[in-house]
Protein backbone atom coordinates (compact mmCIF):
# COMPACT_ATOMS: atom_id res chain seq x y z
CA UNK A 1 0.00 0.00 0.00
CA UNK A 2 1.64 3.29 -1.07
CA UNK A 3 2.39 5.78 1.70
CA UNK A 4 1.99 9.53 1.66
CA UNK A 5 5.12 11.10 0.14
CA UNK A 6 5.53 14.72 1.28
CA UNK A 7 8.68 15.02 -0.81
CA UNK A 8 6.52 15.27 -3.92
CA UNK A 9 5.12 18.54 -2.56
CA UNK A 10 8.48 20.02 -1.61
CA UNK A 11 10.60 19.67 -4.75
CA UNK A 12 10.65 18.35 -8.28
CA UNK A 13 8.52 18.80 -11.37
CA UNK A 14 5.20 18.06 -9.68
CA UNK A 15 5.99 20.60 -6.98
CA UNK A 16 6.62 23.21 -9.68
CA UNK A 17 3.31 22.42 -11.37
CA UNK A 18 1.38 22.81 -8.12
CA UNK A 19 3.15 26.03 -7.14
CA UNK A 20 2.55 27.52 -10.59
CA UNK A 21 -1.12 26.62 -10.28
CA UNK A 22 -1.30 28.22 -6.84
CA UNK A 23 0.30 31.42 -8.13
CA UNK A 24 -2.11 31.58 -11.07
CA UNK A 25 -5.10 31.05 -8.74
CA UNK A 26 -3.97 33.93 -6.54
CA UNK A 27 -3.33 36.17 -9.55
CA UNK A 28 -6.72 35.32 -11.03
CA UNK A 29 -8.53 36.11 -7.77
CA UNK A 30 -6.56 39.33 -7.26
CA UNK A 31 -7.16 40.61 -10.80
CA UNK A 32 -10.87 39.78 -10.65
CA UNK A 33 -11.13 41.60 -7.32
CA UNK A 34 -9.28 44.69 -8.56
CA UNK A 35 -11.46 44.88 -11.68
CA UNK A 36 -14.69 43.82 -10.01
CA UNK A 37 -14.76 46.30 -7.13
CA UNK A 38 -14.91 49.48 -9.27
CA UNK A 39 -17.53 47.81 -11.45
CA UNK A 40 -19.52 46.90 -8.35
CA UNK A 41 -19.38 50.51 -7.14
CA UNK A 42 -20.68 51.71 -10.50
CA UNK A 43 -23.49 49.16 -10.56
CA UNK A 44 -24.49 49.99 -6.97
CA UNK A 45 -24.69 53.69 -7.83
CA UNK A 46 -26.78 52.86 -10.90
CA UNK A 47 -29.14 50.76 -8.77
CA UNK A 48 -29.82 53.80 -6.58
CA UNK A 49 -29.75 56.48 -9.30
CA UNK A 50 -32.71 58.86 -9.66
CA UNK A 51 -32.95 57.95 -13.37
CA UNK A 52 -35.22 54.97 -14.01
CA UNK A 53 -33.25 53.74 -17.02
CA UNK A 54 -30.07 53.53 -14.95
CA UNK A 55 -31.85 51.69 -12.16
CA UNK A 56 -33.31 49.23 -14.66
CA UNK A 57 -29.91 48.64 -16.25
CA UNK A 58 -28.29 48.01 -12.89
CA UNK A 59 -31.10 45.67 -11.86
CA UNK A 60 -30.88 43.74 -15.14
CA UNK A 61 -27.13 43.29 -14.69
CA UNK A 62 -27.38 42.07 -11.10
CA UNK A 63 -30.28 39.70 -11.68
CA UNK A 64 -28.91 38.45 -14.97
CA UNK A 65 -25.52 37.59 -13.50
CA UNK A 66 -26.54 36.26 -10.09
CA UNK A 67 -29.22 33.91 -11.40
CA UNK A 68 -26.86 32.06 -13.75
CA UNK A 69 -24.28 29.59 -12.35
CA UNK A 70 -20.65 30.60 -12.52
CA UNK A 71 -19.94 27.47 -14.57
CA UNK A 72 -22.36 28.67 -17.26
CA UNK A 73 -20.64 32.08 -17.30
CA UNK A 74 -17.24 30.46 -17.77
CA UNK A 75 -18.44 28.24 -20.60
CA UNK A 76 -20.14 31.15 -22.34
CA UNK A 77 -17.12 33.43 -22.21
CA UNK A 78 -14.81 30.65 -23.36
CA UNK A 79 -16.90 28.90 -26.02
CA UNK A 80 -19.66 31.35 -26.92
CA UNK A 81 -18.48 34.94 -26.71
CA UNK A 82 -15.37 34.58 -28.95
CA UNK A 83 -17.56 33.20 -31.76
CA UNK A 84 -19.47 36.49 -31.83
CA UNK A 85 -16.31 38.50 -32.53
CA UNK A 86 -14.93 39.43 -35.97
CA UNK A 87 -12.49 36.86 -37.36
CA UNK A 88 -9.32 39.02 -36.91
CA UNK A 89 -10.22 39.72 -33.28
CA UNK A 90 -11.07 36.07 -32.66
CA UNK A 91 -7.79 34.92 -34.22
CA UNK A 92 -5.84 37.39 -32.07
CA UNK A 93 -7.69 36.24 -28.96
CA UNK A 94 -7.03 32.56 -29.62
CA UNK A 95 -3.38 33.27 -30.31
CA UNK A 96 -2.99 34.25 -26.66
CA UNK A 97 -4.14 32.73 -23.38
CA UNK A 98 -7.85 32.81 -24.10
CA UNK A 99 -8.61 30.49 -21.17
CA UNK A 100 -7.27 32.89 -18.56
CA UNK A 101 -8.91 35.89 -20.26
CA UNK A 102 -12.28 34.13 -20.36
CA UNK A 103 -12.02 33.09 -16.72
CA UNK A 104 -11.04 36.62 -15.68
CA UNK A 105 -14.03 38.17 -17.48
CA UNK A 106 -16.45 35.63 -16.00
CA UNK A 107 -15.11 35.94 -12.45
CA UNK A 108 -15.00 39.74 -12.61
CA UNK A 109 -18.58 40.09 -13.80
CA UNK A 110 -19.77 37.47 -11.33
CA UNK A 111 -18.15 38.90 -8.22
CA UNK A 112 -19.12 42.46 -9.20
CA UNK A 113 -22.81 41.55 -9.20
CA UNK A 114 -22.64 40.25 -5.63
CA UNK A 115 -20.45 43.09 -4.39
CA UNK A 116 -22.79 45.63 -5.97
CA UNK A 117 -25.66 44.36 -3.82
CA UNK A 118 -23.49 44.47 -0.69
CA UNK A 119 -22.49 48.06 -1.46
CA UNK A 120 -26.10 49.00 -2.22
CA UNK A 121 -27.09 47.63 1.18
CA UNK A 122 -24.31 49.68 2.75
CA UNK A 123 -25.54 52.83 1.00
CA UNK A 124 -29.07 52.20 2.24
CA UNK A 125 -27.72 51.89 5.78
CA UNK A 126 -26.43 55.47 5.61
CA UNK A 127 -28.95 58.01 6.83
CA UNK A 128 -30.83 59.58 3.88
CA UNK A 129 -30.16 62.92 5.52
CA UNK A 130 -26.50 62.60 4.53
CA UNK A 131 -27.39 62.63 0.84
CA UNK A 132 -29.96 65.38 1.31
CA UNK A 133 -27.44 67.53 3.18
CA UNK A 134 -24.83 67.06 0.46
CA UNK A 135 -27.34 67.97 -2.24
CA UNK A 136 -28.36 71.04 -0.22
CA UNK A 137 -24.73 72.13 -0.17
CA UNK A 138 -24.68 72.09 -3.96
CA UNK A 139 -23.28 68.65 -4.76
CA UNK A 140 -24.73 66.74 -7.68
CA UNK A 141 -25.89 63.17 -7.26
CA UNK A 142 -22.57 61.64 -8.30
CA UNK A 143 -20.56 64.10 -6.24
CA UNK A 144 -22.66 63.49 -3.15
CA UNK A 145 -22.37 59.73 -3.56
CA UNK A 146 -18.62 59.82 -4.19
CA UNK A 147 -17.63 62.26 -1.46
CA UNK A 148 -20.23 61.74 1.26
CA UNK A 149 -22.26 58.55 1.01
CA UNK A 150 -19.97 55.92 -0.53
CA UNK A 151 -17.06 56.38 1.91
CA UNK A 152 -19.44 55.64 4.78
CA UNK A 153 -21.20 52.84 2.92
CA UNK A 154 -18.02 51.06 1.88
CA UNK A 155 -16.72 51.16 5.44
CA UNK A 156 -19.90 49.50 6.64
CA UNK A 157 -19.69 46.97 3.83
CA UNK A 158 -16.06 45.92 4.29
CA UNK A 159 -16.86 42.63 6.12
CA UNK A 160 -19.31 41.62 3.39
CA UNK A 161 -16.84 42.58 0.65
CA UNK A 162 -14.11 40.51 2.27
CA UNK A 163 -16.55 37.62 2.43
CA UNK A 164 -17.10 38.00 -1.32
CA UNK A 165 -13.31 38.03 -1.79
CA UNK A 166 -13.22 34.72 0.08
CA UNK A 167 -15.88 33.28 -2.22
CA UNK A 168 -13.97 34.59 -5.24
CA UNK A 169 -10.79 32.85 -4.10
CA UNK A 170 -12.63 29.53 -3.88
CA UNK A 171 -14.48 30.12 -7.15
CA UNK A 172 -11.21 30.27 -9.07
CA UNK A 173 -11.19 26.46 -8.82
CA UNK A 174 -14.13 26.31 -11.26
CA UNK A 175 -11.89 27.74 -13.99
CA UNK A 176 -10.34 24.30 -14.37
CA UNK A 177 -13.31 23.27 -16.58
CA UNK A 178 -12.10 25.52 -19.41
CA UNK A 179 -8.47 24.48 -19.11
CA UNK A 180 -7.07 27.32 -17.01
CA UNK A 181 -3.86 26.04 -15.42
CA UNK A 182 -4.87 27.05 -11.90
CA UNK A 183 -4.35 24.95 -8.80
CA UNK A 184 -7.07 22.33 -9.27
CA UNK A 185 -6.06 21.85 -12.90
CA UNK A 186 -2.45 21.29 -11.91
CA UNK A 187 -3.46 18.90 -9.12
CA UNK A 188 -5.43 16.81 -11.60
CA UNK A 189 -2.44 16.94 -13.94
CA UNK A 190 -0.13 15.68 -11.20
CA UNK A 191 -2.59 12.94 -10.29
CA UNK A 192 -2.83 11.79 -13.90
CA UNK A 193 0.93 11.76 -14.37
CA UNK A 194 1.96 10.21 -11.05
CA UNK A 195 -1.19 8.58 -9.62
CA UNK A 196 -0.36 10.41 -6.36
CA UNK A 197 -3.80 11.88 -5.79
CA UNK A 198 -3.43 12.15 -2.00
CA UNK A 199 -0.39 14.40 -2.23
CA UNK A 200 -1.72 16.50 -5.10
CA UNK A 201 -5.09 17.25 -3.56
CA UNK A 202 -3.63 17.61 -0.07
CA UNK A 203 -1.57 20.48 -1.49
CA UNK A 204 -4.71 22.10 -2.91
CA UNK A 205 -6.69 21.60 0.28
CA UNK A 206 -3.94 23.13 2.40
CA UNK A 207 -3.43 26.06 0.04
CA UNK A 208 -7.14 26.89 -0.18
CA UNK A 209 -7.48 26.60 3.59
CA UNK A 210 -4.46 28.79 4.37
CA UNK A 211 -5.50 31.59 2.02
CA UNK A 212 -9.13 31.39 3.17
CA UNK A 213 -8.12 31.60 6.84
CA UNK A 214 -5.87 34.56 6.02
CA UNK A 215 -8.78 36.39 4.37
CA UNK A 216 -11.03 35.55 7.35
CA UNK A 217 -8.41 36.84 9.78
CA UNK A 218 -8.13 40.04 7.72
CA UNK A 219 -11.89 40.51 7.96
CA UNK A 220 -11.80 40.09 11.75
CA UNK A 221 -8.90 42.52 12.07
CA UNK A 222 -10.61 45.15 9.95
CA UNK A 223 -13.81 44.87 11.96
CA UNK A 224 -11.84 45.54 15.15
CA UNK A 225 -9.57 48.19 13.64
CA UNK A 226 -12.29 50.08 11.75
CA UNK A 227 -15.59 49.55 13.58
CA UNK A 228 -18.69 50.87 11.89
CA UNK A 229 -19.86 54.13 13.39
CA UNK A 230 -23.49 55.23 13.31
CA UNK A 231 -24.19 57.56 10.39
C-alpha atoms as a PDB file:
ATOM      1  CA  UNK A   1       0.000   0.000   0.000  1.00  0.00           C
ATOM      2  CA  UNK A   2       1.638   3.293  -1.068  1.00  0.00           C
ATOM      3  CA  UNK A   3       2.388   5.775   1.698  1.00  0.00           C
ATOM      4  CA  UNK A   4       1.987   9.527   1.664  1.00  0.00           C
ATOM      5  CA  UNK A   5       5.115  11.097   0.141  1.00  0.00           C
ATOM      6  CA  UNK A   6       5.532  14.723   1.277  1.00  0.00           C
ATOM      7  CA  UNK A   7       8.680  15.020  -0.810  1.00  0.00           C
ATOM      8  CA  UNK A   8       6.524  15.270  -3.920  1.00  0.00           C
ATOM      9  CA  UNK A   9       5.120  18.540  -2.558  1.00  0.00           C
ATOM     10  CA  UNK A  10       8.481  20.020  -1.608  1.00  0.00           C
ATOM     11  CA  UNK A  11      10.596  19.671  -4.751  1.00  0.00           C
ATOM     12  CA  UNK A  12      10.652  18.352  -8.282  1.00  0.00           C
ATOM     13  CA  UNK A  13       8.522  18.797 -11.373  1.00  0.00           C
ATOM     14  CA  UNK A  14       5.204  18.060  -9.683  1.00  0.00           C
ATOM     15  CA  UNK A  15       5.992  20.603  -6.980  1.00  0.00           C
ATOM     16  CA  UNK A  16       6.620  23.207  -9.676  1.00  0.00           C
ATOM     17  CA  UNK A  17       3.308  22.418 -11.372  1.00  0.00           C
ATOM     18  CA  UNK A  18       1.382  22.812  -8.121  1.00  0.00           C
ATOM     19  CA  UNK A  19       3.151  26.033  -7.140  1.00  0.00           C
ATOM     20  CA  UNK A  20       2.545  27.517 -10.590  1.00  0.00           C
ATOM     21  CA  UNK A  21      -1.119  26.616 -10.277  1.00  0.00           C
ATOM     22  CA  UNK A  22      -1.301  28.225  -6.838  1.00  0.00           C
ATOM     23  CA  UNK A  23       0.300  31.421  -8.133  1.00  0.00           C
ATOM     24  CA  UNK A  24      -2.109  31.579 -11.067  1.00  0.00           C
ATOM     25  CA  UNK A  25      -5.099  31.049  -8.741  1.00  0.00           C
ATOM     26  CA  UNK A  26      -3.965  33.929  -6.536  1.00  0.00           C
ATOM     27  CA  UNK A  27      -3.332  36.166  -9.551  1.00  0.00           C
ATOM     28  CA  UNK A  28      -6.725  35.320 -11.027  1.00  0.00           C
ATOM     29  CA  UNK A  29      -8.533  36.114  -7.770  1.00  0.00           C
ATOM     30  CA  UNK A  30      -6.556  39.332  -7.263  1.00  0.00           C
ATOM     31  CA  UNK A  31      -7.155  40.614 -10.799  1.00  0.00           C
ATOM     32  CA  UNK A  32     -10.868  39.783 -10.653  1.00  0.00           C
ATOM     33  CA  UNK A  33     -11.127  41.602  -7.318  1.00  0.00           C
ATOM     34  CA  UNK A  34      -9.276  44.688  -8.565  1.00  0.00           C
ATOM     35  CA  UNK A  35     -11.457  44.875 -11.680  1.00  0.00           C
ATOM     36  CA  UNK A  36     -14.688  43.817 -10.006  1.00  0.00           C
ATOM     37  CA  UNK A  37     -14.756  46.296  -7.127  1.00  0.00           C
ATOM     38  CA  UNK A  38     -14.915  49.482  -9.271  1.00  0.00           C
ATOM     39  CA  UNK A  39     -17.530  47.811 -11.455  1.00  0.00           C
ATOM     40  CA  UNK A  40     -19.516  46.897  -8.347  1.00  0.00           C
ATOM     41  CA  UNK A  41     -19.381  50.508  -7.140  1.00  0.00           C
ATOM     42  CA  UNK A  42     -20.680  51.711 -10.499  1.00  0.00           C
ATOM     43  CA  UNK A  43     -23.492  49.156 -10.558  1.00  0.00           C
ATOM     44  CA  UNK A  44     -24.492  49.990  -6.973  1.00  0.00           C
ATOM     45  CA  UNK A  45     -24.690  53.692  -7.828  1.00  0.00           C
ATOM     46  CA  UNK A  46     -26.780  52.858 -10.905  1.00  0.00           C
ATOM     47  CA  UNK A  47     -29.141  50.757  -8.767  1.00  0.00           C
ATOM     48  CA  UNK A  48     -29.816  53.803  -6.585  1.00  0.00           C
ATOM     49  CA  UNK A  49     -29.751  56.476  -9.299  1.00  0.00           C
ATOM     50  CA  UNK A  50     -32.713  58.865  -9.661  1.00  0.00           C
ATOM     51  CA  UNK A  51     -32.946  57.948 -13.365  1.00  0.00           C
ATOM     52  CA  UNK A  52     -35.220  54.970 -14.008  1.00  0.00           C
ATOM     53  CA  UNK A  53     -33.249  53.736 -17.023  1.00  0.00           C
ATOM     54  CA  UNK A  54     -30.074  53.529 -14.951  1.00  0.00           C
ATOM     55  CA  UNK A  55     -31.853  51.686 -12.156  1.00  0.00           C
ATOM     56  CA  UNK A  56     -33.308  49.230 -14.662  1.00  0.00           C
ATOM     57  CA  UNK A  57     -29.908  48.642 -16.253  1.00  0.00           C
ATOM     58  CA  UNK A  58     -28.287  48.005 -12.886  1.00  0.00           C
ATOM     59  CA  UNK A  59     -31.095  45.666 -11.864  1.00  0.00           C
ATOM     60  CA  UNK A  60     -30.877  43.739 -15.141  1.00  0.00           C
ATOM     61  CA  UNK A  61     -27.129  43.289 -14.686  1.00  0.00           C
ATOM     62  CA  UNK A  62     -27.379  42.065 -11.098  1.00  0.00           C
ATOM     63  CA  UNK A  63     -30.282  39.701 -11.675  1.00  0.00           C
ATOM     64  CA  UNK A  64     -28.906  38.452 -14.975  1.00  0.00           C
ATOM     65  CA  UNK A  65     -25.516  37.594 -13.504  1.00  0.00           C
ATOM     66  CA  UNK A  66     -26.536  36.260 -10.093  1.00  0.00           C
ATOM     67  CA  UNK A  67     -29.219  33.911 -11.398  1.00  0.00           C
ATOM     68  CA  UNK A  68     -26.862  32.057 -13.752  1.00  0.00           C
ATOM     69  CA  UNK A  69     -24.285  29.589 -12.347  1.00  0.00           C
ATOM     70  CA  UNK A  70     -20.646  30.595 -12.525  1.00  0.00           C
ATOM     71  CA  UNK A  71     -19.941  27.472 -14.572  1.00  0.00           C
ATOM     72  CA  UNK A  72     -22.357  28.674 -17.262  1.00  0.00           C
ATOM     73  CA  UNK A  73     -20.639  32.085 -17.305  1.00  0.00           C
ATOM     74  CA  UNK A  74     -17.240  30.461 -17.770  1.00  0.00           C
ATOM     75  CA  UNK A  75     -18.438  28.240 -20.596  1.00  0.00           C
ATOM     76  CA  UNK A  76     -20.145  31.152 -22.336  1.00  0.00           C
ATOM     77  CA  UNK A  77     -17.118  33.434 -22.210  1.00  0.00           C
ATOM     78  CA  UNK A  78     -14.806  30.650 -23.357  1.00  0.00           C
ATOM     79  CA  UNK A  79     -16.899  28.902 -26.016  1.00  0.00           C
ATOM     80  CA  UNK A  80     -19.660  31.345 -26.924  1.00  0.00           C
ATOM     81  CA  UNK A  81     -18.482  34.942 -26.712  1.00  0.00           C
ATOM     82  CA  UNK A  82     -15.374  34.580 -28.946  1.00  0.00           C
ATOM     83  CA  UNK A  83     -17.559  33.197 -31.756  1.00  0.00           C
ATOM     84  CA  UNK A  84     -19.475  36.493 -31.825  1.00  0.00           C
ATOM     85  CA  UNK A  85     -16.315  38.500 -32.525  1.00  0.00           C
ATOM     86  CA  UNK A  86     -14.925  39.426 -35.970  1.00  0.00           C
ATOM     87  CA  UNK A  87     -12.486  36.861 -37.362  1.00  0.00           C
ATOM     88  CA  UNK A  88      -9.317  39.025 -36.906  1.00  0.00           C
ATOM     89  CA  UNK A  89     -10.221  39.722 -33.280  1.00  0.00           C
ATOM     90  CA  UNK A  90     -11.074  36.068 -32.664  1.00  0.00           C
ATOM     91  CA  UNK A  91      -7.787  34.923 -34.223  1.00  0.00           C
ATOM     92  CA  UNK A  92      -5.840  37.393 -32.071  1.00  0.00           C
ATOM     93  CA  UNK A  93      -7.690  36.245 -28.959  1.00  0.00           C
ATOM     94  CA  UNK A  94      -7.025  32.562 -29.619  1.00  0.00           C
ATOM     95  CA  UNK A  95      -3.377  33.270 -30.312  1.00  0.00           C
ATOM     96  CA  UNK A  96      -2.990  34.248 -26.661  1.00  0.00           C
ATOM     97  CA  UNK A  97      -4.142  32.732 -23.384  1.00  0.00           C
ATOM     98  CA  UNK A  98      -7.852  32.807 -24.095  1.00  0.00           C
ATOM     99  CA  UNK A  99      -8.609  30.486 -21.172  1.00  0.00           C
ATOM    100  CA  UNK A 100      -7.274  32.888 -18.557  1.00  0.00           C
ATOM    101  CA  UNK A 101      -8.909  35.886 -20.264  1.00  0.00           C
ATOM    102  CA  UNK A 102     -12.281  34.126 -20.361  1.00  0.00           C
ATOM    103  CA  UNK A 103     -12.017  33.095 -16.719  1.00  0.00           C
ATOM    104  CA  UNK A 104     -11.036  36.615 -15.683  1.00  0.00           C
ATOM    105  CA  UNK A 105     -14.026  38.170 -17.476  1.00  0.00           C
ATOM    106  CA  UNK A 106     -16.451  35.635 -15.996  1.00  0.00           C
ATOM    107  CA  UNK A 107     -15.111  35.939 -12.453  1.00  0.00           C
ATOM    108  CA  UNK A 108     -14.999  39.743 -12.606  1.00  0.00           C
ATOM    109  CA  UNK A 109     -18.584  40.094 -13.804  1.00  0.00           C
ATOM    110  CA  UNK A 110     -19.773  37.466 -11.335  1.00  0.00           C
ATOM    111  CA  UNK A 111     -18.150  38.899  -8.215  1.00  0.00           C
ATOM    112  CA  UNK A 112     -19.117  42.463  -9.199  1.00  0.00           C
ATOM    113  CA  UNK A 113     -22.814  41.549  -9.199  1.00  0.00           C
ATOM    114  CA  UNK A 114     -22.640  40.250  -5.631  1.00  0.00           C
ATOM    115  CA  UNK A 115     -20.446  43.090  -4.386  1.00  0.00           C
ATOM    116  CA  UNK A 116     -22.787  45.629  -5.966  1.00  0.00           C
ATOM    117  CA  UNK A 117     -25.660  44.356  -3.823  1.00  0.00           C
ATOM    118  CA  UNK A 118     -23.486  44.469  -0.695  1.00  0.00           C
ATOM    119  CA  UNK A 119     -22.492  48.056  -1.461  1.00  0.00           C
ATOM    120  CA  UNK A 120     -26.096  48.996  -2.218  1.00  0.00           C
ATOM    121  CA  UNK A 121     -27.088  47.627   1.183  1.00  0.00           C
ATOM    122  CA  UNK A 122     -24.312  49.679   2.748  1.00  0.00           C
ATOM    123  CA  UNK A 123     -25.536  52.826   1.000  1.00  0.00           C
ATOM    124  CA  UNK A 124     -29.074  52.203   2.237  1.00  0.00           C
ATOM    125  CA  UNK A 125     -27.721  51.886   5.780  1.00  0.00           C
ATOM    126  CA  UNK A 126     -26.430  55.471   5.608  1.00  0.00           C
ATOM    127  CA  UNK A 127     -28.953  58.006   6.825  1.00  0.00           C
ATOM    128  CA  UNK A 128     -30.828  59.584   3.881  1.00  0.00           C
ATOM    129  CA  UNK A 129     -30.159  62.919   5.520  1.00  0.00           C
ATOM    130  CA  UNK A 130     -26.502  62.602   4.535  1.00  0.00           C
ATOM    131  CA  UNK A 131     -27.386  62.633   0.840  1.00  0.00           C
ATOM    132  CA  UNK A 132     -29.955  65.378   1.306  1.00  0.00           C
ATOM    133  CA  UNK A 133     -27.445  67.530   3.180  1.00  0.00           C
ATOM    134  CA  UNK A 134     -24.832  67.059   0.457  1.00  0.00           C
ATOM    135  CA  UNK A 135     -27.344  67.975  -2.238  1.00  0.00           C
ATOM    136  CA  UNK A 136     -28.363  71.041  -0.224  1.00  0.00           C
ATOM    137  CA  UNK A 137     -24.731  72.126  -0.172  1.00  0.00           C
ATOM    138  CA  UNK A 138     -24.676  72.091  -3.962  1.00  0.00           C
ATOM    139  CA  UNK A 139     -23.282  68.651  -4.757  1.00  0.00           C
ATOM    140  CA  UNK A 140     -24.735  66.743  -7.681  1.00  0.00           C
ATOM    141  CA  UNK A 141     -25.888  63.171  -7.259  1.00  0.00           C
ATOM    142  CA  UNK A 142     -22.571  61.636  -8.301  1.00  0.00           C
ATOM    143  CA  UNK A 143     -20.560  64.099  -6.243  1.00  0.00           C
ATOM    144  CA  UNK A 144     -22.662  63.489  -3.145  1.00  0.00           C
ATOM    145  CA  UNK A 145     -22.371  59.734  -3.556  1.00  0.00           C
ATOM    146  CA  UNK A 146     -18.618  59.821  -4.194  1.00  0.00           C
ATOM    147  CA  UNK A 147     -17.630  62.261  -1.460  1.00  0.00           C
ATOM    148  CA  UNK A 148     -20.232  61.740   1.261  1.00  0.00           C
ATOM    149  CA  UNK A 149     -22.263  58.547   1.014  1.00  0.00           C
ATOM    150  CA  UNK A 150     -19.974  55.919  -0.535  1.00  0.00           C
ATOM    151  CA  UNK A 151     -17.060  56.384   1.913  1.00  0.00           C
ATOM    152  CA  UNK A 152     -19.438  55.639   4.782  1.00  0.00           C
ATOM    153  CA  UNK A 153     -21.202  52.844   2.916  1.00  0.00           C
ATOM    154  CA  UNK A 154     -18.015  51.058   1.881  1.00  0.00           C
ATOM    155  CA  UNK A 155     -16.716  51.161   5.437  1.00  0.00           C
ATOM    156  CA  UNK A 156     -19.902  49.503   6.644  1.00  0.00           C
ATOM    157  CA  UNK A 157     -19.690  46.970   3.829  1.00  0.00           C
ATOM    158  CA  UNK A 158     -16.058  45.920   4.287  1.00  0.00           C
ATOM    159  CA  UNK A 159     -16.858  42.628   6.120  1.00  0.00           C
ATOM    160  CA  UNK A 160     -19.314  41.620   3.386  1.00  0.00           C
ATOM    161  CA  UNK A 161     -16.838  42.576   0.645  1.00  0.00           C
ATOM    162  CA  UNK A 162     -14.110  40.506   2.273  1.00  0.00           C
ATOM    163  CA  UNK A 163     -16.551  37.616   2.433  1.00  0.00           C
ATOM    164  CA  UNK A 164     -17.098  37.999  -1.320  1.00  0.00           C
ATOM    165  CA  UNK A 165     -13.311  38.026  -1.792  1.00  0.00           C
ATOM    166  CA  UNK A 166     -13.215  34.721   0.079  1.00  0.00           C
ATOM    167  CA  UNK A 167     -15.879  33.281  -2.219  1.00  0.00           C
ATOM    168  CA  UNK A 168     -13.974  34.589  -5.240  1.00  0.00           C
ATOM    169  CA  UNK A 169     -10.791  32.851  -4.103  1.00  0.00           C
ATOM    170  CA  UNK A 170     -12.633  29.532  -3.883  1.00  0.00           C
ATOM    171  CA  UNK A 171     -14.483  30.125  -7.145  1.00  0.00           C
ATOM    172  CA  UNK A 172     -11.206  30.268  -9.069  1.00  0.00           C
ATOM    173  CA  UNK A 173     -11.195  26.462  -8.821  1.00  0.00           C
ATOM    174  CA  UNK A 174     -14.130  26.314 -11.263  1.00  0.00           C
ATOM    175  CA  UNK A 175     -11.889  27.735 -13.993  1.00  0.00           C
ATOM    176  CA  UNK A 176     -10.345  24.295 -14.371  1.00  0.00           C
ATOM    177  CA  UNK A 177     -13.311  23.271 -16.576  1.00  0.00           C
ATOM    178  CA  UNK A 178     -12.098  25.517 -19.411  1.00  0.00           C
ATOM    179  CA  UNK A 179      -8.472  24.480 -19.110  1.00  0.00           C
ATOM    180  CA  UNK A 180      -7.073  27.320 -17.011  1.00  0.00           C
ATOM    181  CA  UNK A 181      -3.858  26.036 -15.416  1.00  0.00           C
ATOM    182  CA  UNK A 182      -4.865  27.047 -11.901  1.00  0.00           C
ATOM    183  CA  UNK A 183      -4.347  24.951  -8.801  1.00  0.00           C
ATOM    184  CA  UNK A 184      -7.067  22.328  -9.271  1.00  0.00           C
ATOM    185  CA  UNK A 185      -6.064  21.853 -12.903  1.00  0.00           C
ATOM    186  CA  UNK A 186      -2.447  21.287 -11.905  1.00  0.00           C
ATOM    187  CA  UNK A 187      -3.458  18.901  -9.118  1.00  0.00           C
ATOM    188  CA  UNK A 188      -5.435  16.814 -11.600  1.00  0.00           C
ATOM    189  CA  UNK A 189      -2.443  16.943 -13.936  1.00  0.00           C
ATOM    190  CA  UNK A 190      -0.129  15.684 -11.198  1.00  0.00           C
ATOM    191  CA  UNK A 191      -2.590  12.943 -10.290  1.00  0.00           C
ATOM    192  CA  UNK A 192      -2.833  11.795 -13.904  1.00  0.00           C
ATOM    193  CA  UNK A 193       0.934  11.762 -14.373  1.00  0.00           C
ATOM    194  CA  UNK A 194       1.960  10.213 -11.048  1.00  0.00           C
ATOM    195  CA  UNK A 195      -1.188   8.576  -9.620  1.00  0.00           C
ATOM    196  CA  UNK A 196      -0.357  10.406  -6.365  1.00  0.00           C
ATOM    197  CA  UNK A 197      -3.797  11.880  -5.790  1.00  0.00           C
ATOM    198  CA  UNK A 198      -3.433  12.154  -1.998  1.00  0.00           C
ATOM    199  CA  UNK A 199      -0.387  14.396  -2.225  1.00  0.00           C
ATOM    200  CA  UNK A 200      -1.719  16.499  -5.103  1.00  0.00           C
ATOM    201  CA  UNK A 201      -5.089  17.247  -3.556  1.00  0.00           C
ATOM    202  CA  UNK A 202      -3.628  17.614  -0.068  1.00  0.00           C
ATOM    203  CA  UNK A 203      -1.567  20.483  -1.485  1.00  0.00           C
ATOM    204  CA  UNK A 204      -4.714  22.102  -2.914  1.00  0.00           C
ATOM    205  CA  UNK A 205      -6.692  21.601   0.276  1.00  0.00           C
ATOM    206  CA  UNK A 206      -3.939  23.131   2.404  1.00  0.00           C
ATOM    207  CA  UNK A 207      -3.435  26.062   0.036  1.00  0.00           C
ATOM    208  CA  UNK A 208      -7.139  26.894  -0.180  1.00  0.00           C
ATOM    209  CA  UNK A 209      -7.476  26.596   3.593  1.00  0.00           C
ATOM    210  CA  UNK A 210      -4.463  28.795   4.370  1.00  0.00           C
ATOM    211  CA  UNK A 211      -5.503  31.588   2.022  1.00  0.00           C
ATOM    212  CA  UNK A 212      -9.135  31.391   3.170  1.00  0.00           C
ATOM    213  CA  UNK A 213      -8.124  31.601   6.838  1.00  0.00           C
ATOM    214  CA  UNK A 214      -5.873  34.561   6.020  1.00  0.00           C
ATOM    215  CA  UNK A 215      -8.780  36.386   4.374  1.00  0.00           C
ATOM    216  CA  UNK A 216     -11.034  35.545   7.348  1.00  0.00           C
ATOM    217  CA  UNK A 217      -8.406  36.845   9.781  1.00  0.00           C
ATOM    218  CA  UNK A 218      -8.128  40.037   7.721  1.00  0.00           C
ATOM    219  CA  UNK A 219     -11.893  40.509   7.958  1.00  0.00           C
ATOM    220  CA  UNK A 220     -11.802  40.095  11.747  1.00  0.00           C
ATOM    221  CA  UNK A 221      -8.900  42.518  12.075  1.00  0.00           C
ATOM    222  CA  UNK A 222     -10.606  45.154   9.947  1.00  0.00           C
ATOM    223  CA  UNK A 223     -13.810  44.869  11.963  1.00  0.00           C
ATOM    224  CA  UNK A 224     -11.841  45.541  15.146  1.00  0.00           C
ATOM    225  CA  UNK A 225      -9.574  48.186  13.636  1.00  0.00           C
ATOM    226  CA  UNK A 226     -12.289  50.084  11.754  1.00  0.00           C
ATOM    227  CA  UNK A 227     -15.585  49.555  13.579  1.00  0.00           C
ATOM    228  CA  UNK A 228     -18.691  50.869  11.890  1.00  0.00           C
ATOM    229  CA  UNK A 229     -19.857  54.130  13.387  1.00  0.00           C
ATOM    230  CA  UNK A 230     -23.495  55.232  13.312  1.00  0.00           C
ATOM    231  CA  UNK A 231     -24.190  57.561  10.388  1.00  0.00           C
END
